[in-house]
Amino acid sequence: MSYADERRAIETRLDSNFTALPIKYEGQRFQMPSSGGFVALTIRNGSGQQISTGSPPLHRYTGTIVVDVFVPEDTGTATARMHADTIDDIFRRAQFSAGSNGTISCRTPSISTVGVESGWFRLSVNIPYQRDCIF
């Protein structure tokens, strides 16, 4: 599974399972909503290593899927946390792929409060994952 396949698989999983708010994808045009909120997806790639010596060898890549939840400021955190719970359900312990070589395995998500910026309260859902593939 290539980095492009990884991106496509993660975006497809979120897009197919989260319909409550518009989704902002990295590097794509996005029309900011005037109200209601939105989420923004970022894929933070980590390290990679060869984990077997077989032929062909197995390679493992780690990273973090970050889904930032934005809701209007001064509306409290309940709505943002409700969306965080939905995103948690979508990715927690999920296994999925795109293409023919490799699997993405997600771990347990966590959330962190970022705060208010440009009129939006922001909460981050961080999902550690690994991608295994054979080259």
Protein backbone atom coordinates (compact mmCIF):
# COMPACT_ATOMS: atom_id res chain seq x y z
CA MET A 1 0.00 0.00 0.00
CA SER A 2 1.47 3.31 -1.06
CA TYR A 3 1.17 6.65 0.73
CA ALA A 4 -1.43 7.62 -1.90
CA ASP A 5 -3.43 4.43 -1.16
CA GLU A 6 -3.14 5.17 2.56
CA ARG A 7 -4.56 8.68 2.09
CA ARG A 8 -7.38 7.40 -0.12
CA ALA A 9 -8.31 4.66 2.37
CA ILE A 10 -8.40 7.03 5.36
CA GLU A 11 -10.37 9.71 3.49
CA THR A 12 -12.83 7.12 2.18
CA ARG A 13 -13.40 5.68 5.66
CA LEU A 14 -14.15 9.11 7.12
CA ASP A 15 -16.24 10.27 4.14
CA SER A 16 -18.32 7.07 4.09
CA ASN A 17 -19.04 7.06 7.82
CA PHE A 18 -19.23 10.72 8.92
CA THR A 19 -22.04 12.78 7.43
CA ALA A 20 -22.89 15.16 10.28
CA LEU A 21 -20.63 18.02 9.17
CA PRO A 22 -18.66 19.06 6.06
CA ILE A 23 -15.13 17.59 5.87
CA LYS A 24 -12.06 19.65 4.98
CA TYR A 25 -9.35 17.51 3.36
CA GLU A 26 -5.68 18.47 3.18
CA GLY A 27 -4.71 20.45 0.11
CA GLN A 28 -8.26 20.68 -1.27
CA ARG A 29 -10.48 23.73 -1.67
CA PHE A 30 -13.01 24.11 1.10
CA GLN A 31 -15.87 26.53 1.55
CA MET A 32 -15.97 27.48 5.23
CA PRO A 33 -19.49 27.13 6.60
CA SER A 34 -20.96 30.23 8.18
CA SER A 35 -22.46 28.20 11.02
CA GLY A 36 -22.84 24.67 12.35
CA GLY A 37 -19.22 23.55 12.19
CA PHE A 38 -16.95 21.29 10.19
CA VAL A 39 -14.16 18.75 10.64
CA ALA A 40 -10.66 18.80 9.13
CA LEU A 41 -8.64 15.66 8.38
CA THR A 42 -4.84 15.59 8.65
CA ILE A 43 -2.67 12.49 8.21
CA ARG A 44 0.57 12.73 10.18
CA ASN A 45 2.96 10.10 8.94
CA GLY A 46 5.51 8.71 11.37
CA SER A 47 8.35 6.27 11.03
CA GLY A 48 8.67 3.21 8.84
CA GLN A 49 10.63 0.02 9.33
CA GLN A 50 11.13 -3.42 7.89
CA ILE A 51 9.66 -5.89 10.40
CA SER A 52 10.38 -9.23 8.74
CA THR A 53 13.21 -10.74 6.75
CA GLY A 54 11.03 -12.99 4.64
CA SER A 55 10.83 -12.77 0.90
CA PRO A 56 9.23 -10.37 0.27
CA PRO A 57 9.72 -8.56 3.59
CA LEU A 58 6.92 -6.93 5.57
CA HIS A 59 7.20 -3.17 6.16
CA ARG A 60 5.37 -1.22 8.86
CA TYR A 61 4.62 2.49 8.79
CA THR A 62 3.15 4.34 11.76
CA GLY A 63 1.27 7.60 11.99
CA THR A 64 -1.60 9.51 13.47
CA ILE A 65 -4.92 10.36 11.87
CA VAL A 66 -6.02 13.73 13.23
CA VAL A 67 -9.61 14.87 12.85
CA ASP A 68 -10.12 18.40 14.15
CA VAL A 69 -13.71 19.21 15.11
CA PHE A 70 -14.70 22.87 14.76
CA VAL A 71 -17.91 24.25 16.28
CA PRO A 72 -18.89 27.91 16.77
CA GLU A 73 -17.24 29.45 19.81
CA ASP A 74 -19.38 30.20 22.85
CA THR A 75 -21.67 27.21 22.15
CA GLY A 76 -20.07 24.90 24.71
CA THR A 77 -18.15 21.69 24.16
CA ALA A 78 -21.03 19.16 24.15
CA THR A 79 -21.54 19.23 20.37
CA ALA A 80 -17.81 18.98 19.63
CA ARG A 81 -17.51 16.02 22.02
CA MET A 82 -20.52 14.32 20.45
CA HIS A 83 -18.82 14.55 17.03
CA ALA A 84 -15.55 13.33 18.61
CA ASP A 85 -17.41 10.27 19.93
CA THR A 86 -18.70 9.53 16.42
CA ILE A 87 -15.21 9.84 14.93
CA ASP A 88 -13.85 7.63 17.73
CA ASP A 89 -16.43 4.97 16.79
CA ILE A 90 -15.46 5.17 13.10
CA PHE A 91 -11.74 4.55 13.67
CA ARG A 92 -11.33 2.73 17.03
CA ARG A 93 -9.65 -0.64 16.35
CA ALA A 94 -10.74 -0.44 12.69
CA GLN A 95 -8.88 -2.27 9.95
CA PHE A 96 -9.28 -1.20 6.33
CA SER A 97 -7.32 -0.79 3.10
CA ALA A 98 -7.24 0.65 -0.40
CA GLY A 99 -5.45 -0.99 -3.26
CA SER A 100 -4.24 -4.55 -3.18
CA ASN A 101 -1.25 -4.46 -0.85
CA GLY A 102 -1.55 -3.69 2.84
CA THR A 103 -3.81 -2.93 5.74
CA ILE A 104 -4.29 0.07 8.01
CA SER A 105 -4.89 -0.89 11.65
CA CYS A 106 -6.14 1.85 13.98
CA ARG A 107 -5.62 1.94 17.72
CA THR A 108 -7.56 3.68 20.50
CA PRO A 109 -8.27 7.38 19.77
CA SER A 110 -7.79 10.22 22.23
CA ILE A 111 -9.00 13.82 22.22
CA SER A 112 -7.31 17.07 23.10
CA THR A 113 -8.74 20.56 23.38
CA VAL A 114 -7.02 23.09 21.15
CA GLY A 115 -9.17 26.08 22.10
CA VAL A 116 -10.76 28.95 20.21
CA GLU A 117 -9.38 30.33 16.96
CA SER A 118 -11.02 32.58 14.37
CA GLY A 119 -14.45 32.18 15.97
CA TRP A 120 -14.36 28.37 16.20
CA PHE A 121 -13.87 26.10 19.21
CA ARG A 122 -11.48 23.30 18.16
CA LEU A 123 -11.15 19.79 19.54
CA SER A 124 -8.69 17.25 18.05
CA VAL A 125 -9.36 13.52 17.78
CA ASN A 126 -6.00 11.71 17.47
CA ILE A 127 -6.03 8.15 16.15
CA PRO A 128 -2.70 6.26 16.13
CA TYR A 129 -2.40 3.75 13.30
CA GLN A 130 -0.01 1.44 11.56
CA ARG A 131 0.10 0.42 7.92
CA ASP A 132 1.63 -2.93 7.04
CA CYS A 133 2.57 -3.81 3.49
CA ILE A 134 4.78 -6.13 1.49
CA PHE A 135 7.10 -4.75 -1.21
